[in-house]
Amino acid sequence: MLTATLDTTNTLQPASYRVGDVVTLRSGGPRMTVTHVGPVALVEGDWLVCQWFDEHGELRQDLFALDRVRLEPRSIPAGSVQLQQFMRFGFPKRA
């Protein structure tokens, strides 16, 4: 029987990304939260595992190469919130 252990205490994370960081793809797309930085099974090199909600409110997760994403601020300015997304929850539409 084969067994394996993963010792994450000695795993170095690249200095540019950390768990909890907010990133977007360099090509554009939604804001995503980094949930893992480092090696993943069956793939060489360091990767980011990110989670985000799609346009239907479904939780999505995928892994990305470090050079495919860019770091974003954790918070967004209030003026950049799109009110159209709240319309489906019963807020009245403004003329």
PDB file of N, CA and C in Angstrom:
ATOM      1  N   MET A   1       0.844  -1.185   0.000  1.00  0.00           N
ATOM      2  CA  MET A   1       0.000   0.000   0.000  1.00  0.00           C
ATOM      3  C   MET A   1       0.882   1.240   0.000  1.00  0.00           C
ATOM      4  N   LEU A   2       0.603   2.153  -0.902  1.00  0.00           N
ATOM      5  CA  LEU A   2       1.349   3.398  -0.975  1.00  0.00           C
ATOM      6  C   LEU A   2       0.626   4.479  -0.189  1.00  0.00           C
ATOM      7  N   THR A   3       1.372   5.256   0.541  1.00  0.00           N
ATOM      8  CA  THR A   3       0.796   6.397   1.251  1.00  0.00           C
ATOM      9  C   THR A   3       1.652   7.620   0.962  1.00  0.00           C
ATOM     10  N   ALA A   4       1.048   8.754   1.050  1.00  0.00           N
ATOM     11  CA  ALA A   4       1.779   9.998   0.817  1.00  0.00           C
ATOM     12  C   ALA A   4       1.293  11.042   1.796  1.00  0.00           C
ATOM     13  N   THR A   5       2.196  11.913   2.170  1.00  0.00           N
ATOM     14  CA  THR A   5       1.826  13.031   3.034  1.00  0.00           C
ATOM     15  C   THR A   5       2.265  14.320   2.358  1.00  0.00           C
ATOM     16  N   LEU A   6       1.571  15.373   2.657  1.00  0.00           N
ATOM     17  CA  LEU A   6       1.898  16.682   2.112  1.00  0.00           C
ATOM     18  C   LEU A   6       2.239  17.588   3.273  1.00  0.00           C
ATOM     19  N   ASP A   7       3.484  18.029   3.314  1.00  0.00           N
ATOM     20  CA  ASP A   7       3.929  18.922   4.372  1.00  0.00           C
ATOM     21  C   ASP A   7       3.908  20.346   3.837  1.00  0.00           C
ATOM     22  N   THR A   8       2.844  21.089   4.139  1.00  0.00           N
ATOM     23  CA  THR A   8       2.704  22.448   3.608  1.00  0.00           C
ATOM     24  C   THR A   8       3.485  23.472   4.413  1.00  0.00           C
ATOM     25  N   THR A   9       4.036  23.096   5.553  1.00  0.00           N
ATOM     26  CA  THR A   9       4.774  24.071   6.353  1.00  0.00           C
ATOM     27  C   THR A   9       6.084  24.466   5.702  1.00  0.00           C
ATOM     28  N   ASN A  10       6.665  23.573   4.885  1.00  0.00           N
ATOM     29  CA  ASN A  10       7.932  23.878   4.233  1.00  0.00           C
ATOM     30  C   ASN A  10       7.766  24.263   2.773  1.00  0.00           C
ATOM     31  N   THR A  11       6.523  24.365   2.300  1.00  0.00           N
ATOM     32  CA  THR A  11       6.279  24.737   0.914  1.00  0.00           C
ATOM     33  C   THR A  11       6.365  26.244   0.784  1.00  0.00           C
ATOM     34  N   LEU A  12       7.293  26.712  -0.045  1.00  0.00           N
ATOM     35  CA  LEU A  12       7.444  28.148  -0.257  1.00  0.00           C
ATOM     36  C   LEU A  12       6.452  28.628  -1.303  1.00  0.00           C
ATOM     37  N   GLN A  13       5.754  29.696  -0.993  1.00  0.00           N
ATOM     38  CA  GLN A  13       4.836  30.296  -1.951  1.00  0.00           C
ATOM     39  C   GLN A  13       5.566  31.436  -2.647  1.00  0.00           C
ATOM     40  N   PRO A  14       5.349  31.585  -3.946  1.00  0.00           N
ATOM     41  CA  PRO A  14       5.965  32.727  -4.633  1.00  0.00           C
ATOM     42  C   PRO A  14       5.551  34.030  -3.957  1.00  0.00           C
ATOM     43  N   ALA A  15       6.492  34.947  -3.846  1.00  0.00           N
ATOM     44  CA  ALA A  15       6.252  36.184  -3.105  1.00  0.00           C
ATOM     45  C   ALA A  15       5.163  37.046  -3.734  1.00  0.00           C
ATOM     46  N   SER A  16       4.902  36.893  -5.029  1.00  0.00           N
ATOM     47  CA  SER A  16       3.975  37.795  -5.684  1.00  0.00           C
ATOM     48  C   SER A  16       2.507  37.470  -5.417  1.00  0.00           C
ATOM     49  N   TYR A  17       2.164  36.254  -5.040  1.00  0.00           N
ATOM     50  CA  TYR A  17       0.774  35.878  -4.794  1.00  0.00           C
ATOM     51  C   TYR A  17       0.657  35.127  -3.482  1.00  0.00           C
ATOM     52  N   ARG A  18      -0.463  35.386  -2.780  1.00  0.00           N
ATOM     53  CA  ARG A  18      -0.738  34.682  -1.526  1.00  0.00           C
ATOM     54  C   ARG A  18      -2.215  34.305  -1.489  1.00  0.00           C
ATOM     55  N   VAL A  19      -2.538  33.302  -0.703  1.00  0.00           N
ATOM     56  CA  VAL A  19      -3.933  32.908  -0.513  1.00  0.00           C
ATOM     57  C   VAL A  19      -4.706  34.112   0.009  1.00  0.00           C
ATOM     58  N   GLY A  20      -5.866  34.378  -0.598  1.00  0.00           N
ATOM     59  CA  GLY A  20      -6.682  35.533  -0.220  1.00  0.00           C
ATOM     60  C   GLY A  20      -6.525  36.709  -1.156  1.00  0.00           C
ATOM     61  N   ASP A  21      -5.468  36.691  -1.976  1.00  0.00           N
ATOM     62  CA  ASP A  21      -5.295  37.768  -2.953  1.00  0.00           C
ATOM     63  C   ASP A  21      -6.437  37.742  -3.963  1.00  0.00           C
ATOM     64  N   VAL A  22      -6.722  38.896  -4.538  1.00  0.00           N
ATOM     65  CA  VAL A  22      -7.719  39.018  -5.595  1.00  0.00           C
ATOM     66  C   VAL A  22      -6.969  39.238  -6.905  1.00  0.00           C
ATOM     67  N   VAL A  23      -7.310  38.444  -7.924  1.00  0.00           N
ATOM     68  CA  VAL A  23      -6.639  38.518  -9.210  1.00  0.00           C
ATOM     69  C   VAL A  23      -7.664  38.534 -10.336  1.00  0.00           C
ATOM     70  N   THR A  24      -7.227  38.950 -11.514  1.00  0.00           N
ATOM     71  CA  THR A  24      -8.010  38.800 -12.742  1.00  0.00           C
ATOM     72  C   THR A  24      -7.075  38.245 -13.806  1.00  0.00           C
ATOM     73  N   LEU A  25      -7.652  37.644 -14.826  1.00  0.00           N
ATOM     74  CA  LEU A  25      -6.847  37.197 -15.948  1.00  0.00           C
ATOM     75  C   LEU A  25      -6.294  38.409 -16.669  1.00  0.00           C
ATOM     76  N   ARG A  26      -5.093  38.315 -17.185  1.00  0.00           N
ATOM     77  CA  ARG A  26      -4.505  39.419 -17.952  1.00  0.00           C
ATOM     78  C   ARG A  26      -5.343  39.718 -19.194  1.00  0.00           C
ATOM     79  N   SER A  27      -6.045  38.719 -19.685  1.00  0.00           N
ATOM     80  CA  SER A  27      -6.894  38.904 -20.863  1.00  0.00           C
ATOM     81  C   SER A  27      -8.277  39.451 -20.507  1.00  0.00           C
ATOM     82  N   GLY A  28      -8.544  39.650 -19.204  1.00  0.00           N
ATOM     83  CA  GLY A  28      -9.836  40.157 -18.755  1.00  0.00           C
ATOM     84  C   GLY A  28     -10.656  39.063 -18.094  1.00  0.00           C
ATOM     85  N   GLY A  29     -11.738  39.450 -17.451  1.00  0.00           N
ATOM     86  CA  GLY A  29     -12.595  38.478 -16.800  1.00  0.00           C
ATOM     87  C   GLY A  29     -12.952  38.895 -15.393  1.00  0.00           C
ATOM     88  N   PRO A  30     -13.610  37.999 -14.651  1.00  0.00           N
ATOM     89  CA  PRO A  30     -14.086  38.340 -13.312  1.00  0.00           C
ATOM     90  C   PRO A  30     -12.948  38.409 -12.294  1.00  0.00           C
ATOM     91  N   ARG A  31     -13.232  39.087 -11.194  1.00  0.00           N
ATOM     92  CA  ARG A  31     -12.302  39.106 -10.056  1.00  0.00           C
ATOM     93  C   ARG A  31     -12.378  37.746  -9.386  1.00  0.00           C
ATOM     94  N   MET A  32     -11.207  37.167  -9.079  1.00  0.00           N
ATOM     95  CA  MET A  32     -11.139  35.833  -8.496  1.00  0.00           C
ATOM     96  C   MET A  32     -10.312  35.879  -7.222  1.00  0.00           C
ATOM     97  N   THR A  33     -10.637  35.014  -6.278  1.00  0.00           N
ATOM     98  CA  THR A  33      -9.894  34.913  -5.026  1.00  0.00           C
ATOM     99  C   THR A  33      -8.958  33.720  -5.099  1.00  0.00           C
ATOM    100  N   VAL A  34      -7.691  33.942  -4.767  1.00  0.00           N
ATOM    101  CA  VAL A  34      -6.689  32.872  -4.765  1.00  0.00           C
ATOM    102  C   VAL A  34      -6.923  31.990  -3.542  1.00  0.00           C
ATOM    103  N   THR A  35      -7.074  30.670  -3.762  1.00  0.00           N
ATOM    104  CA  THR A  35      -7.282  29.731  -2.658  1.00  0.00           C
ATOM    105  C   THR A  35      -6.094  28.803  -2.444  1.00  0.00           C
ATOM    106  N   HIS A  36      -5.163  28.751  -3.405  1.00  0.00           N
ATOM    107  CA  HIS A  36      -3.948  27.944  -3.264  1.00  0.00           C
ATOM    108  C   HIS A  36      -2.879  28.508  -4.174  1.00  0.00           C
ATOM    109  N   VAL A  37      -1.645  28.547  -3.678  1.00  0.00           N
ATOM    110  CA  VAL A  37      -0.495  28.966  -4.476  1.00  0.00           C
ATOM    111  C   VAL A  37       0.567  27.896  -4.330  1.00  0.00           C
ATOM    112  N   GLY A  38       1.037  27.361  -5.458  1.00  0.00           N
ATOM    113  CA  GLY A  38       2.109  26.383  -5.400  1.00  0.00           C
ATOM    114  C   GLY A  38       1.855  25.213  -6.313  1.00  0.00           C
ATOM    115  N   PRO A  39       2.559  24.110  -6.063  1.00  0.00           N
ATOM    116  CA  PRO A  39       2.410  22.945  -6.929  1.00  0.00           C
ATOM    117  C   PRO A  39       1.049  22.284  -6.753  1.00  0.00           C
ATOM    118  N   VAL A  40       0.574  21.678  -7.830  1.00  0.00           N
ATOM    119  CA  VAL A  40      -0.659  20.889  -7.796  1.00  0.00           C
ATOM    120  C   VAL A  40      -0.349  19.519  -8.374  1.00  0.00           C
ATOM    121  N   ALA A  41      -1.185  18.551  -8.076  1.00  0.00           N
ATOM    122  CA  ALA A  41      -0.951  17.172  -8.499  1.00  0.00           C
ATOM    123  C   ALA A  41      -0.931  17.055 -10.016  1.00  0.00           C
ATOM    124  N   LEU A  42      -0.011  16.281 -10.514  1.00  0.00           N
ATOM    125  CA  LEU A  42       0.107  15.902 -11.922  1.00  0.00           C
ATOM    126  C   LEU A  42       0.467  17.040 -12.876  1.00  0.00           C
ATOM    127  N   VAL A  43       0.789  18.217 -12.359  1.00  0.00           N
ATOM    128  CA  VAL A  43       1.167  19.342 -13.215  1.00  0.00           C
ATOM    129  C   VAL A  43       2.456  19.939 -12.652  1.00  0.00           C
ATOM    130  N   GLU A  44       3.437  20.166 -13.517  1.00  0.00           N
ATOM    131  CA  GLU A  44       4.702  20.726 -13.051  1.00  0.00           C
ATOM    132  C   GLU A  44       4.607  22.218 -12.815  1.00  0.00           C
ATOM    133  N   GLY A  45       5.408  22.727 -11.904  1.00  0.00           N
ATOM    134  CA  GLY A  45       5.486  24.154 -11.641  1.00  0.00           C
ATOM    135  C   GLY A  45       4.494  24.627 -10.599  1.00  0.00           C
ATOM    136  N   ASP A  46       4.523  25.930 -10.354  1.00  0.00           N
ATOM    137  CA  ASP A  46       3.614  26.558  -9.398  1.00  0.00           C
ATOM    138  C   ASP A  46       2.396  27.097 -10.125  1.00  0.00           C
ATOM    139  N   TRP A  47       1.255  26.976  -9.487  1.00  0.00           N
ATOM    140  CA  TRP A  47      -0.028  27.375 -10.063  1.00  0.00           C
ATOM    141  C   TRP A  47      -0.845  28.122  -9.021  1.00  0.00           C
ATOM    142  N   LEU A  48      -1.839  28.854  -9.496  1.00  0.00           N
ATOM    143  CA  LEU A  48      -2.824  29.480  -8.620  1.00  0.00           C
ATOM    144  C   LEU A  48      -4.143  28.740  -8.793  1.00  0.00           C
ATOM    145  N   VAL A  49      -4.751  28.360  -7.690  1.00  0.00           N
ATOM    146  CA  VAL A  49      -6.120  27.852  -7.721  1.00  0.00           C
ATOM    147  C   VAL A  49      -6.993  29.018  -7.278  1.00  0.00           C
ATOM    148  N   CYS A  50      -7.966  29.366  -8.102  1.00  0.00           N
ATOM    149  CA  CYS A  50      -8.799  30.539  -7.847  1.00  0.00           C
ATOM    150  C   CYS A  50     -10.273  30.168  -7.866  1.00  0.00           C
ATOM    151  N   GLN A  51     -11.062  30.903  -7.090  1.00  0.00           N
ATOM    152  CA  GLN A  51     -12.512  30.737  -7.073  1.00  0.00           C
ATOM    153  C   GLN A  51     -13.165  32.081  -7.363  1.00  0.00           C
ATOM    154  N   TRP A  52     -14.324  32.022  -8.025  1.00  0.00           N
ATOM    155  CA  TRP A  52     -15.093  33.220  -8.340  1.00  0.00           C
ATOM    156  C   TRP A  52     -16.536  32.820  -8.583  1.00  0.00           C
ATOM    157  N   PHE A  53     -17.424  33.798  -8.618  1.00  0.00           N
ATOM    158  CA  PHE A  53     -18.827  33.569  -8.940  1.00  0.00           C
ATOM    159  C   PHE A  53     -19.063  34.037 -10.366  1.00  0.00           C
ATOM    160  N   ASP A  54     -19.705  33.189 -11.173  1.00  0.00           N
ATOM    161  CA  ASP A  54     -19.991  33.572 -12.556  1.00  0.00           C
ATOM    162  C   ASP A  54     -21.216  34.475 -12.616  1.00  0.00           C
ATOM    163  N   GLU A  55     -21.633  34.844 -13.828  1.00  0.00           N
ATOM    164  CA  GLU A  55     -22.749  35.776 -14.015  1.00  0.00           C
ATOM    165  C   GLU A  55     -24.082  35.225 -13.534  1.00  0.00           C
ATOM    166  N   HIS A  56     -24.152  33.910 -13.269  1.00  0.00           N
ATOM    167  CA  HIS A  56     -25.377  33.289 -12.760  1.00  0.00           C
ATOM    168  C   HIS A  56     -25.310  33.039 -11.253  1.00  0.00           C
ATOM    169  N   GLY A  57     -24.241  33.498 -10.624  1.00  0.00           N
ATOM    170  CA  GLY A  57     -24.082  33.317  -9.192  1.00  0.00           C
ATOM    171  C   GLY A  57     -23.532  31.959  -8.796  1.00  0.00           C
ATOM    172  N   GLU A  58     -23.058  31.178  -9.762  1.00  0.00           N
ATOM    173  CA  GLU A  58     -22.503  29.855  -9.491  1.00  0.00           C
ATOM    174  C   GLU A  58     -21.029  29.982  -9.125  1.00  0.00           C
ATOM    175  N   LEU A  59     -20.611  29.231  -8.096  1.00  0.00           N
ATOM    176  CA  LEU A  59     -19.216  29.224  -7.675  1.00  0.00           C
ATOM    177  C   LEU A  59     -18.398  28.420  -8.676  1.00  0.00           C
ATOM    178  N   ARG A  60     -17.317  29.003  -9.153  1.00  0.00           N
ATOM    179  CA  ARG A  60     -16.424  28.353 -10.111  1.00  0.00           C
ATOM    180  C   ARG A  60     -15.022  28.269  -9.512  1.00  0.00           C
ATOM    181  N   GLN A  61     -14.247  27.297  -9.986  1.00  0.00           N
ATOM    182  CA  GLN A  61     -12.868  27.138  -9.537  1.00  0.00           C
ATOM    183  C   GLN A  61     -12.037  26.603 -10.692  1.00  0.00           C
ATOM    184  N   ASP A  62     -10.818  27.114 -10.814  1.00  0.00           N
ATOM    185  CA  ASP A  62      -9.911  26.625 -11.850  1.00  0.00           C
ATOM    186  C   ASP A  62      -8.486  26.951 -11.420  1.00  0.00           C
ATOM    187  N   LEU A  63      -7.509  26.397 -12.140  1.00  0.00           N
ATOM    188  CA  LEU A  63      -6.124  26.727 -11.843  1.00  0.00           C
ATOM    189  C   LEU A  63      -5.519  27.473 -13.012  1.00  0.00           C
ATOM    190  N   PHE A  64      -4.593  28.381 -12.676  1.00  0.00           N
ATOM    191  CA  PHE A  64      -4.008  29.273 -13.668  1.00  0.00           C
ATOM    192  C   PHE A  64      -2.509  29.366 -13.453  1.00  0.00           C
ATOM    193  N   ALA A  65      -1.775  29.499 -14.550  1.00  0.00           N
ATOM    194  CA  ALA A  65      -0.340  29.762 -14.473  1.00  0.00           C
ATOM    195  C   ALA A  65      -0.138  31.163 -13.894  1.00  0.00           C
ATOM    196  N   LEU A  66       0.945  31.342 -13.156  1.00  0.00           N
ATOM    197  CA  LEU A  66       1.198  32.620 -12.496  1.00  0.00           C
ATOM    198  C   LEU A  66       1.277  33.784 -13.479  1.00  0.00           C
ATOM    199  N   ASP A  67       1.785  33.539 -14.683  1.00  0.00           N
ATOM    200  CA  ASP A  67       1.933  34.635 -15.637  1.00  0.00           C
ATOM    201  C   ASP A  67       0.652  34.965 -16.398  1.00  0.00           C
ATOM    202  N   ARG A  68      -0.435  34.253 -16.143  1.00  0.00           N
ATOM    203  CA  ARG A  68      -1.712  34.508 -16.821  1.00  0.00           C
ATOM    204  C   ARG A  68      -2.612  35.478 -16.066  1.00  0.00           C
ATOM    205  N   VAL A  69      -2.250  35.801 -14.802  1.00  0.00           N
ATOM    206  CA  VAL A  69      -3.111  36.659 -13.976  1.00  0.00           C
ATOM    207  C   VAL A  69      -2.352  37.891 -13.504  1.00  0.00           C
ATOM    208  N   ARG A  70      -3.133  38.874 -13.054  1.00  0.00           N
ATOM    209  CA  ARG A  70      -2.536  40.072 -12.450  1.00  0.00           C
ATOM    210  C   ARG A  70      -3.236  40.345 -11.130  1.00  0.00           C
ATOM    211  N   LEU A  71      -2.493  40.903 -10.200  1.00  0.00           N
ATOM    212  CA  LEU A  71      -2.997  41.225  -8.875  1.00  0.00           C
ATOM    213  C   LEU A  71      -3.922  42.426  -8.955  1.00  0.00           C
ATOM    214  N   GLU A  72      -5.036  42.357  -8.228  1.00  0.00           N
ATOM    215  CA  GLU A  72      -6.019  43.445  -8.172  1.00  0.00           C
ATOM    216  C   GLU A  72      -6.157  43.906  -6.718  1.00  0.00           C
ATOM    217  N   PRO A  73      -6.655  45.124  -6.505  1.00  0.00           N
ATOM    218  CA  PRO A  73      -6.926  45.544  -5.126  1.00  0.00           C
ATOM    219  C   PRO A  73      -8.022  44.672  -4.520  1.00  0.00           C
ATOM    220  N   ARG A  74      -7.955  44.460  -3.221  1.00  0.00           N
ATOM    221  CA  ARG A  74      -8.958  43.614  -2.556  1.00  0.00           C
ATOM    222  C   ARG A  74     -10.335  44.247  -2.558  1.00  0.00           C
ATOM    223  N   SER A  75     -10.397  45.550  -2.483  1.00  0.00           N
ATOM    224  CA  SER A  75     -11.699  46.220  -2.488  1.00  0.00           C
ATOM    225  C   SER A  75     -11.838  47.008  -3.781  1.00  0.00           C
ATOM    226  N   ILE A  76     -13.068  47.312  -4.130  1.00  0.00           N
ATOM    227  CA  ILE A  76     -13.322  48.078  -5.343  1.00  0.00           C
ATOM    228  C   ILE A  76     -14.020  49.378  -4.976  1.00  0.00           C
ATOM    229  N   PRO A  77     -13.805  50.439  -5.745  1.00  0.00           N
ATOM    230  CA  PRO A  77     -14.476  51.698  -5.451  1.00  0.00           C
ATOM    231  C   PRO A  77     -15.985  51.554  -5.643  1.00  0.00           C
ATOM    232  N   ALA A  78     -16.742  52.231  -4.810  1.00  0.00           N
ATOM    233  CA  ALA A  78     -18.207  52.123  -4.864  1.00  0.00           C
ATOM    234  C   ALA A  78     -18.754  52.502  -6.223  1.00  0.00           C
ATOM    235  N   GLY A  79     -18.137  53.418  -6.926  1.00  0.00           N
ATOM    236  CA  GLY A  79     -18.618  53.854  -8.226  1.00  0.00           C
ATOM    237  C   GLY A  79     -18.525  52.798  -9.314  1.00  0.00           C
ATOM    238  N   SER A  80     -17.771  51.725  -9.078  1.00  0.00           N
ATOM    239  CA  SER A  80     -17.617  50.715 -10.125  1.00  0.00           C
ATOM    240  C   SER A  80     -18.616  49.567  -9.998  1.00  0.00           C
ATOM    241  N   VAL A  81     -19.479  49.611  -8.998  1.00  0.00           N
ATOM    242  CA  VAL A  81     -20.489  48.572  -8.830  1.00  0.00           C
ATOM    243  C   VAL A  81     -21.569  48.755  -9.879  1.00  0.00           C
ATOM    244  N   GLN A  82     -21.953  47.682 -10.538  1.00  0.00           N
ATOM    245  CA  GLN A  82     -22.982  47.749 -11.565  1.00  0.00           C
ATOM    246  C   GLN A  82     -24.340  47.446 -10.948  1.00  0.00           C
ATOM    247  N   LEU A  83     -25.235  48.419 -10.964  1.00  0.00           N
ATOM    248  CA  LEU A  83     -26.540  48.241 -10.341  1.00  0.00           C
ATOM    249  C   LEU A  83     -27.424  47.259 -11.086  1.00  0.00           C
ATOM    250  N   GLN A  84     -27.160  46.995 -12.359  1.00  0.00           N
ATOM    251  CA  GLN A  84     -28.002  46.073 -13.098  1.00  0.00           C
ATOM    252  C   GLN A  84     -28.033  44.693 -12.453  1.00  0.00           C
ATOM    253  N   GLN A  85     -26.983  44.304 -11.793  1.00  0.00           N
ATOM    254  CA  GLN A  85     -26.945  42.995 -11.167  1.00  0.00           C
ATOM    255  C   GLN A  85     -27.931  42.896 -10.010  1.00  0.00           C
ATOM    256  N   PHE A  86     -28.289  44.031  -9.425  1.00  0.00           N
ATOM    257  CA  PHE A  86     -29.228  44.015  -8.308  1.00  0.00           C
ATOM    258  C   PHE A  86     -30.676  44.026  -8.778  1.00  0.00           C
ATOM    259  N   MET A  87     -30.933  44.329 -10.025  1.00  0.00           N
ATOM    260  CA  MET A  87     -32.291  44.403 -10.533  1.00  0.00           C
ATOM    261  C   MET A  87     -33.034  43.069 -10.429  1.00  0.00           C
ATOM    262  N   ARG A  88     -32.329  41.970 -10.542  1.00  0.00           N
ATOM    263  CA  ARG A  88     -32.998  40.671 -10.484  1.00  0.00           C
ATOM    264  C   ARG A  88     -33.477  40.332  -9.066  1.00  0.00           C
ATOM    265  N   PHE A  89     -33.072  41.122  -8.073  1.00  0.00           N
ATOM    266  CA  PHE A  89     -33.506  40.869  -6.707  1.00  0.00           C
ATOM    267  C   PHE A  89     -34.682  41.732  -6.299  1.00  0.00           C
ATOM    268  N   GLY A  90     -35.301  42.394  -7.258  1.00  0.00           N
ATOM    269  CA  GLY A  90     -36.529  43.122  -6.955  1.00  0.00           C
ATOM    270  C   GLY A  90     -36.387  44.597  -6.707  1.00  0.00           C
ATOM    271  N   PHE A  91     -35.201  45.159  -6.880  1.00  0.00           N
ATOM    272  CA  PHE A  91     -35.076  46.594  -6.756  1.00  0.00           C
ATOM    273  C   PHE A  91     -35.700  47.243  -7.978  1.00  0.00           C
ATOM    274  N   PRO A  92     -36.424  48.348  -7.811  1.00  0.00           N
ATOM    275  CA  PRO A  92     -37.094  48.968  -8.980  1.00  0.00           C
ATOM    276  C   PRO A  92     -36.076  49.523  -9.960  1.00  0.00           C
ATOM    277  N   LYS A  93     -36.418  49.457 -11.221  1.00  0.00           N
ATOM    278  CA  LYS A  93     -35.579  49.983 -12.279  1.00  0.00           C
ATOM    279  C   LYS A  93     -35.784  51.484 -12.385  1.00  0.00           C
ATOM    280  N   ARG A  94     -34.696  52.218 -12.526  1.00  0.00           N
ATOM    281  CA  ARG A  94     -34.794  53.677 -12.677  1.00  0.00           C
ATOM    282  C   ARG A  94     -34.887  54.023 -14.139  1.00  0.00           C
ATOM    283  N   ALA A  95     -35.663  55.057 -14.421  1.00  0.00           N
ATOM    284  CA  ALA A  95     -35.821  55.486 -15.826  1.00  0.00           C
ATOM    285  C   ALA A  95     -34.682  56.369 -16.254  1.00  0.00           C
TER     286      ALA A  95
END
